[in-house]
């Protein structure tokens, strides 16, 4: 697979997130790793929260959750409830703001910009 020429981490993050299919989820750390910065999970979270204001309203931000399968609240319960509703509409099953990562975690066919540790 030929990757697009994206110069910044944020461009790569938004591109990788766009690859996550409906009905699947990925963790912040998984996205950071695939975008070439394995220790940047928090930065991915910030990019997801700001996707609309950064001009990426079409990116499926709701599919990115924490590594335990839970929605990250950060004090915004309305956004968390909205995220759960969006994911349930895609077929992801939640129990109290968590889903089973063994069942719903996205497994990409490519490593994208992932680097070895």
PDB file of N, CA and C in Angstrom:
ATOM      1  N   UNK A   1       0.830  -1.178   0.000  1.00  0.00           N
ATOM      2  CA  UNK A   1       0.000   0.000   0.000  1.00  0.00           C
ATOM      3  C   UNK A   1       0.877   1.244   0.000  1.00  0.00           C
ATOM      4  N   UNK A   2       0.563   2.163  -0.883  1.00  0.00           N
ATOM      5  CA  UNK A   2       1.309   3.412  -0.935  1.00  0.00           C
ATOM      6  C   UNK A   2       0.624   4.443  -0.042  1.00  0.00           C
ATOM      7  N   UNK A   3       1.388   4.997   0.877  1.00  0.00           N
ATOM      8  CA  UNK A   3       0.832   5.966   1.816  1.00  0.00           C
ATOM      9  C   UNK A   3       0.839   7.363   1.213  1.00  0.00           C
ATOM     10  N   UNK A   4      -0.133   8.179   1.594  1.00  0.00           N
ATOM     11  CA  UNK A   4      -0.119   9.563   1.121  1.00  0.00           C
ATOM     12  C   UNK A   4       1.048  10.316   1.756  1.00  0.00           C
ATOM     13  N   UNK A   5       1.514  11.340   1.085  1.00  0.00           N
ATOM     14  CA  UNK A   5       2.614  12.142   1.615  1.00  0.00           C
ATOM     15  C   UNK A   5       2.046  13.177   2.575  1.00  0.00           C
ATOM     16  N   UNK A   6       2.077  12.841   3.849  1.00  0.00           N
ATOM     17  CA  UNK A   6       1.566  13.721   4.893  1.00  0.00           C
ATOM     18  C   UNK A   6       2.732  14.099   5.793  1.00  0.00           C
ATOM     19  N   UNK A   7       2.964  15.386   5.943  1.00  0.00           N
ATOM     20  CA  UNK A   7       4.148  15.848   6.646  1.00  0.00           C
ATOM     21  C   UNK A   7       4.018  15.916   8.163  1.00  0.00           C
ATOM     22  N   UNK A   8       2.830  16.183   8.666  1.00  0.00           N
ATOM     23  CA  UNK A   8       2.711  16.387  10.104  1.00  0.00           C
ATOM     24  C   UNK A   8       2.051  15.198  10.786  1.00  0.00           C
ATOM     25  N   UNK A   9       2.326  15.080  12.071  1.00  0.00           N
ATOM     26  CA  UNK A   9       1.715  14.037  12.882  1.00  0.00           C
ATOM     27  C   UNK A   9       0.194  14.158  12.847  1.00  0.00           C
ATOM     28  N   UNK A  10      -0.326  15.359  12.993  1.00  0.00           N
ATOM     29  CA  UNK A  10      -1.785  15.531  13.014  1.00  0.00           C
ATOM     30  C   UNK A  10      -2.416  15.097  11.696  1.00  0.00           C
ATOM     31  N   UNK A  11      -1.790  15.388  10.568  1.00  0.00           N
ATOM     32  CA  UNK A  11      -2.318  14.941   9.278  1.00  0.00           C
ATOM     33  C   UNK A  11      -2.353  13.413   9.217  1.00  0.00           C
ATOM     34  N   UNK A  12      -1.287  12.785   9.702  1.00  0.00           N
ATOM     35  CA  UNK A  12      -1.242  11.319   9.702  1.00  0.00           C
ATOM     36  C   UNK A  12      -2.299  10.739  10.636  1.00  0.00           C
ATOM     37  N   UNK A  13      -2.499  11.353  11.799  1.00  0.00           N
ATOM     38  CA  UNK A  13      -3.517  10.879  12.749  1.00  0.00           C
ATOM     39  C   UNK A  13      -4.892  10.925  12.103  1.00  0.00           C
ATOM     40  N   UNK A  14      -5.244  12.071  11.542  1.00  0.00           N
ATOM     41  CA  UNK A  14      -6.569  12.186  10.934  1.00  0.00           C
ATOM     42  C   UNK A  14      -6.736  11.201   9.780  1.00  0.00           C
ATOM     43  N   UNK A  15      -5.686  10.968   9.018  1.00  0.00           N
ATOM     44  CA  UNK A  15      -5.761  10.017   7.910  1.00  0.00           C
ATOM     45  C   UNK A  15      -5.961   8.593   8.443  1.00  0.00           C
ATOM     46  N   UNK A  16      -5.194   8.205   9.457  1.00  0.00           N
ATOM     47  CA  UNK A  16      -5.325   6.855  10.024  1.00  0.00           C
ATOM     48  C   UNK A  16      -6.716   6.665  10.628  1.00  0.00           C
ATOM     49  N   UNK A  17      -7.203   7.647  11.370  1.00  0.00           N
ATOM     50  CA  UNK A  17      -8.534   7.539  11.979  1.00  0.00           C
ATOM     51  C   UNK A  17      -9.594   7.353  10.895  1.00  0.00           C
ATOM     52  N   UNK A  18      -9.427   7.998   9.774  1.00  0.00           N
ATOM     53  CA  UNK A  18     -10.384   7.849   8.671  1.00  0.00           C
ATOM     54  C   UNK A  18     -10.415   6.424   8.120  1.00  0.00           C
ATOM     55  N   UNK A  19      -9.382   5.628   8.402  1.00  0.00           N
ATOM     56  CA  UNK A  19      -9.328   4.247   7.930  1.00  0.00           C
ATOM     57  C   UNK A  19     -10.093   3.283   8.825  1.00  0.00           C
ATOM     58  N   UNK A  20     -10.400   3.693  10.062  1.00  0.00           N
ATOM     59  CA  UNK A  20     -11.105   2.821  11.005  1.00  0.00           C
ATOM     60  C   UNK A  20     -12.537   2.643  10.495  1.00  0.00           C
ATOM     61  N   UNK A  21     -12.938   1.409  10.227  1.00  0.00           N
ATOM     62  CA  UNK A  21     -14.267   1.186   9.641  1.00  0.00           C
ATOM     63  C   UNK A  21     -15.406   1.314  10.648  1.00  0.00           C
ATOM     64  N   UNK A  22     -16.567   1.553  10.127  1.00  0.00           N
ATOM     65  CA  UNK A  22     -17.769   1.603  10.949  1.00  0.00           C
ATOM     66  C   UNK A  22     -17.924   0.274  11.688  1.00  0.00           C
ATOM     67  N   UNK A  23     -18.308   0.335  12.961  1.00  0.00           N
ATOM     68  CA  UNK A  23     -18.498  -0.869  13.762  1.00  0.00           C
ATOM     69  C   UNK A  23     -17.233  -1.355  14.440  1.00  0.00           C
ATOM     70  N   UNK A  24     -16.154  -0.589  14.299  1.00  0.00           N
ATOM     71  CA  UNK A  24     -14.881  -0.947  14.928  1.00  0.00           C
ATOM     72  C   UNK A  24     -14.384   0.246  15.733  1.00  0.00           C
ATOM     73  N   UNK A  25     -13.493  -0.024  16.683  1.00  0.00           N
ATOM     74  CA  UNK A  25     -12.873   1.030  17.481  1.00  0.00           C
ATOM     75  C   UNK A  25     -11.365   0.818  17.487  1.00  0.00           C
ATOM     76  N   UNK A  26     -10.636   1.876  17.825  1.00  0.00           N
ATOM     77  CA  UNK A  26      -9.183   1.807  17.980  1.00  0.00           C
ATOM     78  C   UNK A  26      -8.832   2.629  19.208  1.00  0.00           C
ATOM     79  N   UNK A  27      -7.694   2.327  19.793  1.00  0.00           N
ATOM     80  CA  UNK A  27      -7.277   3.087  20.976  1.00  0.00           C
ATOM     81  C   UNK A  27      -6.426   4.283  20.553  1.00  0.00           C
ATOM     82  N   UNK A  28      -6.363   5.252  21.454  1.00  0.00           N
ATOM     83  CA  UNK A  28      -5.530   6.426  21.208  1.00  0.00           C
ATOM     84  C   UNK A  28      -4.085   6.002  20.947  1.00  0.00           C
ATOM     85  N   UNK A  29      -3.603   5.066  21.748  1.00  0.00           N
ATOM     86  CA  UNK A  29      -2.230   4.590  21.581  1.00  0.00           C
ATOM     87  C   UNK A  29      -2.010   3.871  20.268  1.00  0.00           C
ATOM     88  N   UNK A  30      -2.985   3.090  19.838  1.00  0.00           N
ATOM     89  CA  UNK A  30      -2.885   2.383  18.563  1.00  0.00           C
ATOM     90  C   UNK A  30      -2.784   3.391  17.421  1.00  0.00           C
ATOM     91  N   UNK A  31      -3.600   4.421  17.457  1.00  0.00           N
ATOM     92  CA  UNK A  31      -3.563   5.442  16.407  1.00  0.00           C
ATOM     93  C   UNK A  31      -2.228   6.177  16.435  1.00  0.00           C
ATOM     94  N   UNK A  32      -1.749   6.531  17.626  1.00  0.00           N
ATOM     95  CA  UNK A  32      -0.454   7.211  17.741  1.00  0.00           C
ATOM     96  C   UNK A  32       0.649   6.345  17.143  1.00  0.00           C
ATOM     97  N   UNK A  33       0.643   5.060  17.461  1.00  0.00           N
ATOM     98  CA  UNK A  33       1.647   4.132  16.934  1.00  0.00           C
ATOM     99  C   UNK A  33       1.583   4.070  15.409  1.00  0.00           C
ATOM    100  N   UNK A  34       0.382   3.919  14.870  1.00  0.00           N
ATOM    101  CA  UNK A  34       0.223   3.817  13.412  1.00  0.00           C
ATOM    102  C   UNK A  34       0.577   5.114  12.694  1.00  0.00           C
ATOM    103  N   UNK A  35       0.482   6.238  13.417  1.00  0.00           N
ATOM    104  CA  UNK A  35       0.835   7.531  12.835  1.00  0.00           C
ATOM    105  C   UNK A  35       2.317   7.852  13.002  1.00  0.00           C
ATOM    106  N   UNK A  36       3.067   6.940  13.624  1.00  0.00           N
ATOM    107  CA  UNK A  36       4.513   7.100  13.723  1.00  0.00           C
ATOM    108  C   UNK A  36       5.032   7.710  15.007  1.00  0.00           C
ATOM    109  N   UNK A  37       4.183   7.866  16.010  1.00  0.00           N
ATOM    110  CA  UNK A  37       4.614   8.442  17.292  1.00  0.00           C
ATOM    111  C   UNK A  37       3.979   7.642  18.425  1.00  0.00           C
ATOM    112  N   UNK A  38       4.545   6.468  18.724  1.00  0.00           N
ATOM    113  CA  UNK A  38       3.908   5.536  19.656  1.00  0.00           C
ATOM    114  C   UNK A  38       3.651   6.056  21.066  1.00  0.00           C
ATOM    115  N   UNK A  39       4.298   7.097  21.478  1.00  0.00           N
ATOM    116  CA  UNK A  39       4.092   7.604  22.843  1.00  0.00           C
ATOM    117  C   UNK A  39       3.203   8.856  22.862  1.00  0.00           C
ATOM    118  N   UNK A  40       2.467   9.072  21.803  1.00  0.00           N
ATOM    119  CA  UNK A  40       1.676  10.304  21.670  1.00  0.00           C
ATOM    120  C   UNK A  40       0.177  10.071  21.783  1.00  0.00           C
ATOM    121  N   UNK A  41      -0.239   9.122  22.617  1.00  0.00           N
ATOM    122  CA  UNK A  41      -1.665   8.820  22.766  1.00  0.00           C
ATOM    123  C   UNK A  41      -2.463  10.038  23.226  1.00  0.00           C
ATOM    124  N   UNK A  42      -1.926  10.804  24.156  1.00  0.00           N
ATOM    125  CA  UNK A  42      -2.649  11.989  24.637  1.00  0.00           C
ATOM    126  C   UNK A  42      -2.827  13.017  23.529  1.00  0.00           C
ATOM    127  N   UNK A  43      -1.831  13.138  22.674  1.00  0.00           N
ATOM    128  CA  UNK A  43      -1.940  14.071  21.547  1.00  0.00           C
ATOM    129  C   UNK A  43      -3.051  13.633  20.603  1.00  0.00           C
ATOM    130  N   UNK A  44      -3.201  12.322  20.429  1.00  0.00           N
ATOM    131  CA  UNK A  44      -4.295  11.813  19.605  1.00  0.00           C
ATOM    132  C   UNK A  44      -5.634  12.194  20.231  1.00  0.00           C
ATOM    133  N   UNK A  45      -5.743  12.065  21.545  1.00  0.00           N
ATOM    134  CA  UNK A  45      -6.968  12.453  22.241  1.00  0.00           C
ATOM    135  C   UNK A  45      -7.299  13.921  22.015  1.00  0.00           C
ATOM    136  N   UNK A  46      -6.296  14.762  22.095  1.00  0.00           N
ATOM    137  CA  UNK A  46      -6.499  16.190  21.856  1.00  0.00           C
ATOM    138  C   UNK A  46      -6.954  16.435  20.422  1.00  0.00           C
ATOM    139  N   UNK A  47      -6.338  15.756  19.479  1.00  0.00           N
ATOM    140  CA  UNK A  47      -6.735  15.921  18.074  1.00  0.00           C
ATOM    141  C   UNK A  47      -8.170  15.449  17.837  1.00  0.00           C
ATOM    142  N   UNK A  48      -8.586  14.385  18.525  1.00  0.00           N
ATOM    143  CA  UNK A  48      -9.961  13.913  18.360  1.00  0.00           C
ATOM    144  C   UNK A  48     -10.947  14.935  18.929  1.00  0.00           C
ATOM    145  N   UNK A  49     -10.630  15.499  20.094  1.00  0.00           N
ATOM    146  CA  UNK A  49     -11.515  16.505  20.696  1.00  0.00           C
ATOM    147  C   UNK A  49     -11.613  17.751  19.837  1.00  0.00           C
ATOM    148  N   UNK A  50     -10.550  18.057  19.115  1.00  0.00           N
ATOM    149  CA  UNK A  50     -10.512  19.290  18.318  1.00  0.00           C
ATOM    150  C   UNK A  50     -10.693  19.042  16.819  1.00  0.00           C
ATOM    151  N   UNK A  51     -11.115  17.853  16.446  1.00  0.00           N
ATOM    152  CA  UNK A  51     -11.199  17.524  15.018  1.00  0.00           C
ATOM    153  C   UNK A  51     -12.099  18.484  14.251  1.00  0.00           C
ATOM    154  N   UNK A  52     -13.241  18.820  14.802  1.00  0.00           N
ATOM    155  CA  UNK A  52     -14.166  19.717  14.103  1.00  0.00           C
ATOM    156  C   UNK A  52     -13.558  21.104  13.934  1.00  0.00           C
ATOM    157  N   UNK A  53     -13.015  21.660  15.005  1.00  0.00           N
ATOM    158  CA  UNK A  53     -12.440  23.006  14.911  1.00  0.00           C
ATOM    159  C   UNK A  53     -11.171  23.030  14.061  1.00  0.00           C
ATOM    160  N   UNK A  54     -10.531  21.860  13.864  1.00  0.00           N
ATOM    161  CA  UNK A  54      -9.344  21.772  13.010  1.00  0.00           C
ATOM    162  C   UNK A  54      -9.690  21.494  11.552  1.00  0.00           C
ATOM    163  N   UNK A  55     -10.990  21.514  11.237  1.00  0.00           N
ATOM    164  CA  UNK A  55     -11.412  21.311   9.852  1.00  0.00           C
ATOM    165  C   UNK A  55     -11.538  19.856   9.452  1.00  0.00           C
ATOM    166  N   UNK A  56     -11.651  18.957  10.415  1.00  0.00           N
ATOM    167  CA  UNK A  56     -11.755  17.523  10.132  1.00  0.00           C
ATOM    168  C   UNK A  56     -13.051  16.959  10.698  1.00  0.00           C
ATOM    169  N   UNK A  57     -14.158  17.649  10.438  1.00  0.00           N
ATOM    170  CA  UNK A  57     -15.447  17.210  10.965  1.00  0.00           C
ATOM    171  C   UNK A  57     -15.909  15.889  10.378  1.00  0.00           C
ATOM    172  N   UNK A  58     -15.320  15.475   9.252  1.00  0.00           N
ATOM    173  CA  UNK A  58     -15.685  14.209   8.618  1.00  0.00           C
ATOM    174  C   UNK A  58     -14.936  13.011   9.205  1.00  0.00           C
ATOM    175  N   UNK A  59     -13.962  13.242  10.062  1.00  0.00           N
ATOM    176  CA  UNK A  59     -13.175  12.160  10.665  1.00  0.00           C
ATOM    177  C   UNK A  59     -14.019  11.469  11.742  1.00  0.00           C
ATOM    178  N   UNK A  60     -14.085  10.139  11.737  1.00  0.00           N
ATOM    179  CA  UNK A  60     -14.897   9.421  12.722  1.00  0.00           C
ATOM    180  C   UNK A  60     -14.242   9.359  14.105  1.00  0.00           C
ATOM    181  N   UNK A  61     -14.157  10.506  14.755  1.00  0.00           N
ATOM    182  CA  UNK A  61     -13.516  10.647  16.073  1.00  0.00           C
ATOM    183  C   UNK A  61     -14.107   9.699  17.099  1.00  0.00           C
ATOM    184  N   UNK A  62     -15.391   9.386  16.951  1.00  0.00           N
ATOM    185  CA  UNK A  62     -16.080   8.554  17.947  1.00  0.00           C
ATOM    186  C   UNK A  62     -15.507   7.147  18.030  1.00  0.00           C
ATOM    187  N   UNK A  63     -14.812   6.704  17.007  1.00  0.00           N
ATOM    188  CA  UNK A  63     -14.269   5.340  16.990  1.00  0.00           C
ATOM    189  C   UNK A  63     -12.973   5.203  17.775  1.00  0.00           C
ATOM    190  N   UNK A  64     -12.471   6.298  18.332  1.00  0.00           N
ATOM    191  CA  UNK A  64     -11.212   6.252  19.067  1.00  0.00           C
ATOM    192  C   UNK A  64     -11.517   6.345  20.557  1.00  0.00           C
ATOM    193  N   UNK A  65     -11.112   5.303  21.286  1.00  0.00           N
ATOM    194  CA  UNK A  65     -11.403   5.186  22.715  1.00  0.00           C
ATOM    195  C   UNK A  65     -10.127   4.769  23.447  1.00  0.00           C
ATOM    196  N   UNK A  66     -10.211   4.569  24.742  1.00  0.00           N
ATOM    197  CA  UNK A  66      -8.981   4.189  25.439  1.00  0.00           C
ATOM    198  C   UNK A  66      -8.687   2.690  25.277  1.00  0.00           C
ATOM    199  N   UNK A  67      -7.513   2.293  25.683  1.00  0.00           N
ATOM    200  CA  UNK A  67      -7.044   0.919  25.443  1.00  0.00           C
ATOM    201  C   UNK A  67      -7.817  -0.139  26.218  1.00  0.00           C
ATOM    202  N   UNK A  68      -8.583   0.279  27.212  1.00  0.00           N
ATOM    203  CA  UNK A  68      -9.398  -0.660  27.983  1.00  0.00           C
ATOM    204  C   UNK A  68     -10.791  -0.819  27.384  1.00  0.00           C
ATOM    205  N   UNK A  69     -11.049  -0.105  26.291  1.00  0.00           N
ATOM    206  CA  UNK A  69     -12.347  -0.178  25.643  1.00  0.00           C
ATOM    207  C   UNK A  69     -13.354   0.814  26.172  1.00  0.00           C
ATOM    208  N   UNK A  70     -12.889   1.775  26.950  1.00  0.00           N
ATOM    209  CA  UNK A  70     -13.795   2.738  27.577  1.00  0.00           C
ATOM    210  C   UNK A  70     -13.735   4.106  26.902  1.00  0.00           C
ATOM    211  N   UNK A  71     -14.826   4.821  27.035  1.00  0.00           N
ATOM    212  CA  UNK A  71     -14.894   6.197  26.574  1.00  0.00           C
ATOM    213  C   UNK A  71     -14.130   7.061  27.569  1.00  0.00           C
ATOM    214  N   UNK A  72     -13.288   7.959  27.056  1.00  0.00           N
ATOM    215  CA  UNK A  72     -12.549   8.882  27.910  1.00  0.00           C
ATOM    216  C   UNK A  72     -13.413  10.117  28.137  1.00  0.00           C
ATOM    217  N   UNK A  73     -13.816  10.359  29.372  1.00  0.00           N
ATOM    218  CA  UNK A  73     -14.743  11.447  29.691  1.00  0.00           C
ATOM    219  C   UNK A  73     -14.108  12.825  29.686  1.00  0.00           C
ATOM    220  N   UNK A  74     -13.036  13.001  30.416  1.00  0.00           N
ATOM    221  CA  UNK A  74     -12.419  14.315  30.595  1.00  0.00           C
ATOM    222  C   UNK A  74     -13.446  15.340  31.062  1.00  0.00           C
ATOM    223  N   UNK A  75     -14.414  14.898  31.869  1.00  0.00           N
ATOM    224  CA  UNK A  75     -15.402  15.801  32.437  1.00  0.00           C
ATOM    225  C   UNK A  75     -16.559  16.171  31.518  1.00  0.00           C
ATOM    226  N   UNK A  76     -16.563  15.696  30.285  1.00  0.00           N
ATOM    227  CA  UNK A  76     -17.607  16.050  29.321  1.00  0.00           C
ATOM    228  C   UNK A  76     -18.537  14.859  29.106  1.00  0.00           C
ATOM    229  N   UNK A  77     -19.488  14.683  30.023  1.00  0.00           N
ATOM    230  CA  UNK A  77     -20.381  13.522  29.932  1.00  0.00           C
ATOM    231  C   UNK A  77     -21.310  13.594  28.727  1.00  0.00           C
ATOM    232  N   UNK A  78     -21.683  14.783  28.297  1.00  0.00           N
ATOM    233  CA  UNK A  78     -22.560  14.899  27.122  1.00  0.00           C
ATOM    234  C   UNK A  78     -21.861  14.371  25.870  1.00  0.00           C
ATOM    235  N   UNK A  79     -20.591  14.718  25.711  1.00  0.00           N
ATOM    236  CA  UNK A  79     -19.833  14.229  24.552  1.00  0.00           C
ATOM    237  C   UNK A  79     -19.667  12.709  24.648  1.00  0.00           C
ATOM    238  N   UNK A  80     -19.416  12.200  25.860  1.00  0.00           N
ATOM    239  CA  UNK A  80     -19.254  10.753  26.046  1.00  0.00           C
ATOM    240  C   UNK A  80     -20.540  10.018  25.702  1.00  0.00           C
ATOM    241  N   UNK A  81     -21.666  10.541  26.141  1.00  0.00           N
ATOM    242  CA  UNK A  81     -22.952   9.918  25.813  1.00  0.00           C
ATOM    243  C   UNK A  81     -23.213   9.958  24.310  1.00  0.00           C
ATOM    244  N   UNK A  82     -22.859  11.076  23.676  1.00  0.00           N
ATOM    245  CA  UNK A  82     -23.007  11.202  22.221  1.00  0.00           C
ATOM    246  C   UNK A  82     -22.113  10.182  21.511  1.00  0.00           C
ATOM    247  N   UNK A  83     -20.886  10.026  21.993  1.00  0.00           N
ATOM    248  CA  UNK A  83     -19.941   9.073  21.406  1.00  0.00           C
ATOM    249  C   UNK A  83     -20.489   7.653  21.502  1.00  0.00           C
ATOM    250  N   UNK A  84     -21.022   7.285  22.656  1.00  0.00           N
ATOM    251  CA  UNK A  84     -21.599   5.951  22.825  1.00  0.00           C
ATOM    252  C   UNK A  84     -22.761   5.763  21.853  1.00  0.00           C
ATOM    253  N   UNK A  85     -23.653   6.764  21.751  1.00  0.00           N
ATOM    254  CA  UNK A  85     -24.799   6.651  20.831  1.00  0.00           C
ATOM    255  C   UNK A  85     -24.342   6.440  19.396  1.00  0.00           C
ATOM    256  N   UNK A  86     -23.317   7.182  18.976  1.00  0.00           N
ATOM    257  CA  UNK A  86     -22.793   7.028  17.609  1.00  0.00           C
ATOM    258  C   UNK A  86     -22.242   5.626  17.389  1.00  0.00           C
ATOM    259  N   UNK A  87     -21.491   5.127  18.355  1.00  0.00           N
ATOM    260  CA  UNK A  87     -20.894   3.795  18.212  1.00  0.00           C
ATOM    261  C   UNK A  87     -21.942   2.690  18.280  1.00  0.00           C
ATOM    262  N   UNK A  88     -22.916   2.822  19.141  1.00  0.00           N
ATOM    263  CA  UNK A  88     -23.997   1.828  19.208  1.00  0.00           C
ATOM    264  C   UNK A  88     -24.744   1.788  17.878  1.00  0.00           C
ATOM    265  N   UNK A  89     -24.962   2.945  17.267  1.00  0.00           N
ATOM    266  CA  UNK A  89     -25.624   3.002  15.958  1.00  0.00           C
ATOM    267  C   UNK A  89     -24.811   2.275  14.888  1.00  0.00           C
ATOM    268  N   UNK A  90     -23.493   2.158  15.099  1.00  0.00           N
ATOM    269  CA  UNK A  90     -22.613   1.442  14.172  1.00  0.00           C
ATOM    270  C   UNK A  90     -22.523  -0.044  14.504  1.00  0.00           C
ATOM    271  N   UNK A  91     -23.124  -0.458  15.613  1.00  0.00           N
ATOM    272  CA  UNK A  91     -23.120  -1.866  15.978  1.00  0.00           C
ATOM    273  C   UNK A  91     -22.178  -2.250  17.094  1.00  0.00           C
ATOM    274  N   UNK A  92     -21.475  -1.276  17.676  1.00  0.00           N
ATOM    275  CA  UNK A  92     -20.577  -1.555  18.790  1.00  0.00           C
ATOM    276  C   UNK A  92     -21.428  -1.678  20.055  1.00  0.00           C
ATOM    277  N   UNK A  93     -21.204  -2.749  20.808  1.00  0.00           N
ATOM    278  CA  UNK A  93     -21.983  -3.015  22.011  1.00  0.00           C
ATOM    279  C   UNK A  93     -21.255  -2.442  23.224  1.00  0.00           C
ATOM    280  N   UNK A  94     -21.968  -1.618  23.990  1.00  0.00           N
ATOM    281  CA  UNK A  94     -21.395  -0.985  25.171  1.00  0.00           C
ATOM    282  C   UNK A  94     -22.096  -1.443  26.430  1.00  0.00           C
ATOM    283  N   UNK A  95     -21.317  -1.526  27.501  1.00  0.00           N
ATOM    284  CA  UNK A  95     -21.842  -1.795  28.833  1.00  0.00           C
ATOM    285  C   UNK A  95     -21.221  -0.746  29.746  1.00  0.00           C
ATOM    286  N   UNK A  96     -22.020   0.235  30.148  1.00  0.00           N
ATOM    287  CA  UNK A  96     -21.543   1.289  31.041  1.00  0.00           C
ATOM    288  C   UNK A  96     -20.295   1.981  30.495  1.00  0.00           C
ATOM    289  N   UNK A  97     -20.382   2.524  29.309  1.00  0.00           N
ATOM    290  CA  UNK A  97     -19.326   3.298  28.648  1.00  0.00           C
ATOM    291  C   UNK A  97     -18.087   2.483  28.274  1.00  0.00           C
ATOM    292  N   UNK A  98     -18.208   1.158  28.192  1.00  0.00           N
ATOM    293  CA  UNK A  98     -17.087   0.308  27.781  1.00  0.00           C
ATOM    294  C   UNK A  98     -17.547  -0.732  26.773  1.00  0.00           C
ATOM    295  N   UNK A  99     -16.636  -1.104  25.895  1.00  0.00           N
ATOM    296  CA  UNK A  99     -16.912  -2.184  24.949  1.00  0.00           C
ATOM    297  C   UNK A  99     -15.792  -3.221  25.051  1.00  0.00           C
ATOM    298  N   UNK A 100     -16.025  -4.364  24.480  1.00  0.00           N
ATOM    299  CA  UNK A 100     -15.046  -5.453  24.498  1.00  0.00           C
ATOM    300  C   UNK A 100     -14.048  -5.250  23.358  1.00  0.00           C
ATOM    301  N   UNK A 101     -12.824  -4.896  23.711  1.00  0.00           N
ATOM    302  CA  UNK A 101     -11.800  -4.638  22.689  1.00  0.00           C
ATOM    303  C   UNK A 101     -11.464  -5.901  21.895  1.00  0.00           C
ATOM    304  N   UNK A 102     -11.581  -7.069  22.512  1.00  0.00           N
ATOM    305  CA  UNK A 102     -11.308  -8.304  21.773  1.00  0.00           C
ATOM    306  C   UNK A 102     -12.289  -8.475  20.619  1.00  0.00           C
ATOM    307  N   UNK A 103     -13.478  -7.957  20.780  1.00  0.00           N
ATOM    308  CA  UNK A 103     -14.511  -8.087  19.752  1.00  0.00           C
ATOM    309  C   UNK A 103     -14.490  -6.936  18.753  1.00  0.00           C
ATOM    310  N   UNK A 104     -14.302  -5.715  19.223  1.00  0.00           N
ATOM    311  CA  UNK A 104     -14.517  -4.543  18.378  1.00  0.00           C
ATOM    312  C   UNK A 104     -13.260  -3.794  17.952  1.00  0.00           C
ATOM    313  N   UNK A 105     -12.083  -4.162  18.477  1.00  0.00           N
ATOM    314  CA  UNK A 105     -10.876  -3.421  18.110  1.00  0.00           C
ATOM    315  C   UNK A 105     -10.511  -3.639  16.650  1.00  0.00           C
ATOM    316  N   UNK A 106     -10.234  -2.559  15.973  1.00  0.00           N
ATOM    317  CA  UNK A 106      -9.815  -2.572  14.579  1.00  0.00           C
ATOM    318  C   UNK A 106      -8.436  -3.189  14.455  1.00  0.00           C
ATOM    319  N   UNK A 107      -8.281  -4.036  13.453  1.00  0.00           N
ATOM    320  CA  UNK A 107      -6.995  -4.657  13.174  1.00  0.00           C
ATOM    321  C   UNK A 107      -6.615  -4.319  11.735  1.00  0.00           C
ATOM    322  N   UNK A 108      -5.821  -3.268  11.554  1.00  0.00           N
ATOM    323  CA  UNK A 108      -5.496  -2.827  10.189  1.00  0.00           C
ATOM    324  C   UNK A 108      -4.628  -3.837   9.446  1.00  0.00           C
ATOM    325  N   UNK A 109      -4.744  -3.796   8.138  1.00  0.00           N
ATOM    326  CA  UNK A 109      -3.945  -4.670   7.276  1.00  0.00           C
ATOM    327  C   UNK A 109      -2.527  -4.151   7.075  1.00  0.00           C
ATOM    328  N   UNK A 110      -2.308  -2.881   7.404  1.00  0.00           N
ATOM    329  CA  UNK A 110      -1.012  -2.252   7.168  1.00  0.00           C
ATOM    330  C   UNK A 110      -0.515  -1.578   8.442  1.00  0.00           C
ATOM    331  N   UNK A 111       0.787  -1.385   8.525  1.00  0.00           N
ATOM    332  CA  UNK A 111       1.385  -0.725   9.692  1.00  0.00           C
ATOM    333  C   UNK A 111       1.439   0.777   9.524  1.00  0.00           C
ATOM    334  N   UNK A 112       1.077   1.307   8.344  1.00  0.00           N
ATOM    335  CA  UNK A 112       1.110   2.739   8.062  1.00  0.00           C
ATOM    336  C   UNK A 112       2.470   3.317   8.449  1.00  0.00           C
ATOM    337  N   UNK A 113       2.523   4.302   9.333  1.00  0.00           N
ATOM    338  CA  UNK A 113       3.788   4.943   9.693  1.00  0.00           C
ATOM    339  C   UNK A 113       4.371   4.372  10.981  1.00  0.00           C
ATOM    340  N   UNK A 114       3.894   3.240  11.424  1.00  0.00           N
ATOM    341  CA  UNK A 114       4.358   2.638  12.683  1.00  0.00           C
ATOM    342  C   UNK A 114       5.863   2.450  12.648  1.00  0.00           C
ATOM    343  N   UNK A 115       6.483   2.709  13.784  1.00  0.00           N
ATOM    344  CA  UNK A 115       7.933   2.531  13.909  1.00  0.00           C
ATOM    345  C   UNK A 115       8.184   1.440  14.944  1.00  0.00           C
ATOM    346  N   UNK A 116       9.287   0.770  14.804  1.00  0.00           N
ATOM    347  CA  UNK A 116       9.670  -0.245  15.770  1.00  0.00           C
ATOM    348  C   UNK A 116      10.143   0.427  17.054  1.00  0.00           C
ATOM    349  N   UNK A 117       9.901  -0.202  18.176  1.00  0.00           N
ATOM    350  CA  UNK A 117      10.293   0.354  19.472  1.00  0.00           C
ATOM    351  C   UNK A 117      11.752   0.126  19.717  1.00  0.00           C
TER     352      UNK A 117
END
